[in-house]
N, C-alpha and C. Protein backbone atom coordinates (compact mmCIF):
# COMPACT_ATOMS: atom_id res chain seq x y z
N LYS A 1 84.47 85.04 119.62
CA LYS A 1 85.39 85.64 120.39
C LYS A 1 86.24 86.28 119.31
N THR A 2 87.06 87.36 119.48
CA THR A 2 88.38 88.03 118.86
C THR A 2 89.46 88.37 119.87
N VAL A 3 90.63 87.73 119.24
CA VAL A 3 91.97 87.94 119.87
C VAL A 3 92.34 88.85 119.06
N ILE A 4 93.45 89.82 119.72
CA ILE A 4 94.53 90.35 118.57
C ILE A 4 95.96 89.75 119.17
N LEU A 5 96.23 89.61 118.32
CA LEU A 5 98.17 89.03 118.69
C LEU A 5 98.91 90.04 117.88
N VAL A 6 99.43 90.93 118.78
CA VAL A 6 100.93 91.39 117.93
C VAL A 6 101.67 90.78 118.22
N THR A 7 102.61 90.66 117.21
CA THR A 7 104.22 89.91 117.09
C THR A 7 105.08 90.17 115.79
N HIS A 8 106.27 89.92 115.73
CA HIS A 8 107.02 90.59 114.58
C HIS A 8 107.79 89.24 114.12
N ASN A 9 107.30 87.89 114.87
CA ASN A 9 107.50 87.08 114.12
C ASN A 9 106.50 85.97 112.89
N ILE A 10 106.91 86.40 111.93
CA ILE A 10 105.70 85.55 110.66
C ILE A 10 105.62 84.09 110.75
N GLU A 11 106.43 83.64 111.07
CA GLU A 11 105.77 82.36 111.54
C GLU A 11 104.99 82.16 112.13
N GLU A 12 104.87 82.77 113.42
CA GLU A 12 104.37 82.42 114.66
C GLU A 12 102.89 83.27 114.33
N ALA A 13 102.91 84.02 113.30
CA ALA A 13 101.24 84.61 112.66
C ALA A 13 100.58 83.86 111.81
N VAL A 14 101.63 83.40 111.21
CA VAL A 14 100.35 82.43 110.60
C VAL A 14 100.16 80.98 111.11
N MET A 15 100.77 80.46 111.80
CA MET A 15 100.72 79.36 112.41
C MET A 15 99.49 79.61 113.55
N LEU A 16 99.07 80.28 114.27
CA LEU A 16 98.33 81.10 114.98
C LEU A 16 96.98 81.69 115.19
N CYS A 17 97.32 82.46 113.76
CA CYS A 17 96.07 83.57 113.29
C CYS A 17 95.17 82.77 112.22
N ASP A 18 93.99 83.37 111.95
CA ASP A 18 93.35 83.14 110.77
C ASP A 18 93.60 84.38 109.58
N ARG A 19 93.57 85.61 110.04
CA ARG A 19 94.03 86.78 109.17
C ARG A 19 94.98 87.21 109.86
N VAL A 20 96.12 88.31 109.13
CA VAL A 20 97.37 88.74 109.14
C VAL A 20 97.41 90.03 108.92
N ALA A 21 97.08 91.17 109.93
CA ALA A 21 97.30 92.40 109.45
C ALA A 21 98.61 93.03 109.14
N VAL A 22 99.12 93.21 107.91
CA VAL A 22 100.52 93.93 107.92
C VAL A 22 100.36 95.07 108.04
N MET A 23 101.26 96.20 108.76
CA MET A 23 101.84 97.69 109.08
C MET A 23 102.34 98.00 108.43
N SER A 24 102.02 99.48 107.78
CA SER A 24 103.70 100.23 106.92
C SER A 24 104.41 100.47 108.27
N SER A 25 105.38 101.03 107.63
CA SER A 25 106.34 101.07 108.74
C SER A 25 106.53 102.51 109.32
N ALA A 26 106.08 103.79 108.92
CA ALA A 26 105.39 105.12 109.42
C ALA A 26 104.95 105.80 108.26
N PRO A 27 103.98 106.11 108.47
CA PRO A 27 103.17 106.37 110.13
C PRO A 27 102.37 104.40 110.08
N GLY A 28 102.42 104.10 111.21
CA GLY A 28 101.78 103.07 111.04
C GLY A 28 100.68 102.47 111.30
N VAL A 29 99.85 101.77 109.89
CA VAL A 29 98.78 101.88 109.22
C VAL A 29 98.44 100.34 108.84
N VAL A 30 97.34 99.89 108.83
CA VAL A 30 97.36 98.53 108.23
C VAL A 30 97.47 98.58 106.86
N LYS A 31 98.29 97.89 106.23
CA LYS A 31 98.50 98.12 104.65
C LYS A 31 98.15 97.15 103.68
N SER A 32 97.98 96.13 104.75
CA SER A 32 96.91 95.12 103.96
C SER A 32 96.79 93.99 104.95
N VAL A 33 95.29 93.20 104.43
CA VAL A 33 94.97 91.89 106.30
C VAL A 33 95.42 91.01 104.84
N ILE A 34 96.19 89.60 105.58
CA ILE A 34 96.40 88.84 104.28
C ILE A 34 95.67 87.44 104.99
N PRO A 35 94.26 86.64 104.85
CA PRO A 35 93.70 85.67 105.06
C PRO A 35 94.91 84.52 104.98
N ILE A 36 94.61 83.76 106.04
CA ILE A 36 95.41 82.37 106.14
C ILE A 36 94.79 81.30 105.99
N ASP A 37 94.73 80.85 104.86
CA ASP A 37 94.00 79.51 104.39
C ASP A 37 94.76 78.36 104.71
N VAL A 38 95.34 78.12 106.20
CA VAL A 38 95.77 76.48 106.28
C VAL A 38 95.23 76.18 106.72
N ARG A 39 95.27 74.59 106.56
CA ARG A 39 93.87 73.56 107.53
C ARG A 39 94.24 73.68 108.81
N ARG A 40 93.73 73.61 109.33
CA ARG A 40 93.70 73.09 111.09
C ARG A 40 93.42 71.92 111.86
N PRO A 41 93.97 71.46 112.48
CA PRO A 41 94.88 71.50 113.48
C PRO A 41 95.95 72.23 112.74
N ARG A 42 96.91 73.35 113.29
CA ARG A 42 97.88 73.61 112.41
C ARG A 42 99.43 72.76 114.02
N THR A 43 100.18 72.49 113.30
CA THR A 43 101.01 71.92 113.85
C THR A 43 102.59 72.18 113.70
N ILE A 44 103.68 71.68 113.42
CA ILE A 44 104.95 72.15 113.18
C ILE A 44 105.16 71.10 111.84
N LYS A 45 104.26 70.08 111.61
CA LYS A 45 104.17 69.85 110.47
C LYS A 45 103.68 70.82 109.43
N SER A 46 102.95 71.49 109.80
CA SER A 46 101.96 72.38 108.78
C SER A 46 103.09 73.31 108.28
N MET A 47 104.25 73.76 108.65
CA MET A 47 105.09 74.71 108.35
C MET A 47 105.76 74.49 107.00
N SER A 48 105.62 73.08 106.85
CA SER A 48 105.66 72.64 105.07
C SER A 48 105.10 72.72 104.38
N ASP A 49 103.72 72.98 104.39
CA ASP A 49 102.68 73.01 103.93
C ASP A 49 102.99 73.97 103.21
N PRO A 50 102.73 73.64 101.64
CA PRO A 50 102.68 74.69 100.60
C PRO A 50 102.30 75.94 100.75
N ASP A 51 100.81 75.86 101.57
CA ASP A 51 99.70 76.92 101.85
C ASP A 51 100.21 77.94 102.85
N PHE A 52 101.58 77.00 104.00
CA PHE A 52 101.63 77.62 105.02
C PHE A 52 103.41 78.54 104.12
N VAL A 53 103.50 78.20 103.37
CA VAL A 53 104.97 78.70 102.80
C VAL A 53 104.21 79.79 101.86
N ARG A 54 103.39 80.10 101.23
CA ARG A 54 103.06 80.60 100.26
C ARG A 54 102.19 82.00 101.11
N CYS A 55 101.56 81.95 102.27
CA CYS A 55 101.37 82.69 103.16
C CYS A 55 102.91 83.48 103.74
N LEU A 56 103.56 82.34 104.34
CA LEU A 56 104.56 83.44 104.47
C LEU A 56 105.31 84.16 103.55
N GLU A 57 105.81 83.45 102.54
CA GLU A 57 106.34 84.36 101.33
C GLU A 57 105.61 85.78 101.03
N LYS A 58 104.23 85.89 101.06
CA LYS A 58 103.09 86.93 100.72
C LYS A 58 103.26 87.86 101.92
N ILE A 59 103.36 87.58 102.96
CA ILE A 59 103.57 88.46 104.15
C ILE A 59 105.42 89.09 104.19
N TRP A 60 105.99 88.11 103.90
CA TRP A 60 107.97 88.79 104.20
C TRP A 60 107.50 89.57 102.71
N ASP A 61 107.05 89.40 101.73
CA ASP A 61 107.30 90.40 100.16
C ASP A 61 106.58 91.46 100.81
N LEU A 62 105.72 91.68 101.54
CA LEU A 62 104.76 93.05 101.50
C LEU A 62 106.02 93.61 102.75
N LEU A 63 106.31 93.18 103.97
CA LEU A 63 107.55 93.46 104.55
C LEU A 63 108.64 94.04 104.36
N ARG A 64 108.84 93.44 103.46
CA ARG A 64 110.60 93.52 102.78
C ARG A 64 110.19 95.09 102.26
N HIS A 65 109.47 95.45 101.82
CA HIS A 65 109.31 96.58 101.13
C HIS A 65 109.13 97.35 101.68
N GLU A 66 108.18 97.53 103.34
CA GLU A 66 108.48 98.56 104.10
C GLU A 66 109.59 98.70 104.91
N VAL A 67 110.19 97.82 105.10
CA VAL A 67 111.71 97.83 105.38
C VAL A 67 113.28 98.58 104.67
N ASP A 68 112.48 97.99 103.50
CA ASP A 68 113.71 99.04 102.42
C ASP A 68 113.25 100.23 102.45
N LYS A 69 111.84 100.27 102.44
CA LYS A 69 111.48 101.97 102.44
C LYS A 69 111.88 102.83 103.59
N ALA A 70 111.59 101.93 104.91
CA ALA A 70 112.38 102.85 105.83
C ALA A 70 113.75 102.79 105.99
N MET A 71 114.55 101.81 105.31
CA MET A 71 115.72 102.11 105.76
C MET A 71 116.33 103.23 105.05
N ARG A 72 115.99 103.24 103.64
CA ARG A 72 115.93 104.49 102.88
C ARG A 72 115.63 105.69 103.03
N GLU A 73 114.73 106.09 104.19
CA GLU A 73 114.51 107.30 104.80
C GLU A 73 115.04 107.75 105.34
N ASN A 74 115.96 106.66 106.66
CA ASN A 74 116.30 106.61 108.05
C ASN A 74 117.75 106.64 107.65
N HIS A 75 118.13 106.16 106.64
CA HIS A 75 119.71 106.01 106.28
C HIS A 75 120.10 106.71 105.10
N PRO A 76 120.61 107.58 104.95
CA PRO A 76 120.61 108.28 103.75
C PRO A 76 121.68 107.55 102.74
N SER A 77 122.82 106.95 104.09
CA SER A 77 123.68 106.80 102.28
C SER A 77 123.19 105.08 101.91
N SER A 78 121.97 104.29 102.28
CA SER A 78 121.45 103.49 101.64
C SER A 78 120.40 103.79 100.47
N LYS A 79 119.98 105.16 100.45
CA LYS A 79 119.63 105.30 99.02
C LYS A 79 120.43 105.33 97.89
N GLU A 80 121.64 105.28 98.01
CA GLU A 80 122.67 105.19 96.71
C GLU A 80 122.47 103.87 96.23
N ASN A 81 123.14 102.67 97.31
CA ASN A 81 123.33 101.53 97.20
C ASN A 81 122.60 100.56 98.54
N PRO A 82 121.46 100.62 97.69
CA PRO A 82 120.82 99.91 99.17
C PRO A 82 121.05 98.14 99.39
N GLU A 83 121.20 98.00 100.45
CA GLU A 83 121.38 96.29 100.61
C GLU A 83 120.41 95.73 100.84
N PRO A 84 120.15 95.09 99.67
CA PRO A 84 119.01 94.03 99.77
C PRO A 84 118.98 93.40 101.13
N LEU A 85 117.26 93.13 101.72
CA LEU A 85 117.34 92.58 102.79
C LEU A 85 117.06 91.08 102.63
N LYS A 86 117.70 90.19 103.56
CA LYS A 86 117.75 88.74 103.78
C LYS A 86 116.84 88.49 104.52
N ARG A 87 116.33 87.50 104.51
CA ARG A 87 115.28 86.96 105.35
C ARG A 87 116.11 86.18 106.42
N GLY A 88 115.75 86.01 107.53
CA GLY A 88 116.52 84.98 109.08
C GLY A 88 116.52 84.06 109.22
N ARG A 89 116.56 83.19 110.01
CA ARG A 89 116.17 82.19 110.12
C ARG A 89 114.80 82.04 110.37
N SER A 90 114.01 81.12 109.99
CA SER A 90 112.85 80.56 110.52
C SER A 90 112.71 79.50 111.36
N TYR A 91 111.95 79.04 111.93
CA TYR A 91 111.46 78.23 112.90
C TYR A 91 111.98 76.55 112.38
N LEU A 92 111.73 76.56 110.73
CA LEU A 92 111.92 75.11 110.03
C LEU A 92 113.38 75.36 110.15
N ASP A 93 114.39 76.37 110.61
CA ASP A 93 115.74 76.00 110.39
C ASP A 93 116.16 75.26 111.96
N TRP A 94 114.99 75.78 112.99
CA TRP A 94 115.40 74.96 114.02
C TRP A 94 114.90 73.60 114.31
N TRP A 95 113.59 73.49 114.02
CA TRP A 95 112.81 72.35 114.00
C TRP A 95 113.13 71.24 113.10
N GLY A 96 113.98 71.84 111.80
CA GLY A 96 113.98 70.50 110.49
C GLY A 96 113.50 70.26 110.10
């Protein structure tokens, strides 16, 4: 059986999925499909696993490019002096 999970939370996607499809900003098409090679069962401790972190970083890098592109297209003033996108808090910040 196949389940499609739609989320904006990268950690959630890596924790629950076998593959993550990263969408482009506009038009919304699949930009890349990332296989999640993290051992199962996945627990909160899995989030510090190097494979888990590697998947997060790969997905975040793809998304960062899309967000930066959308910001430049939608906010003309950001074209001249684009502010770099910073990563927000992760589950690890909460669960430490």
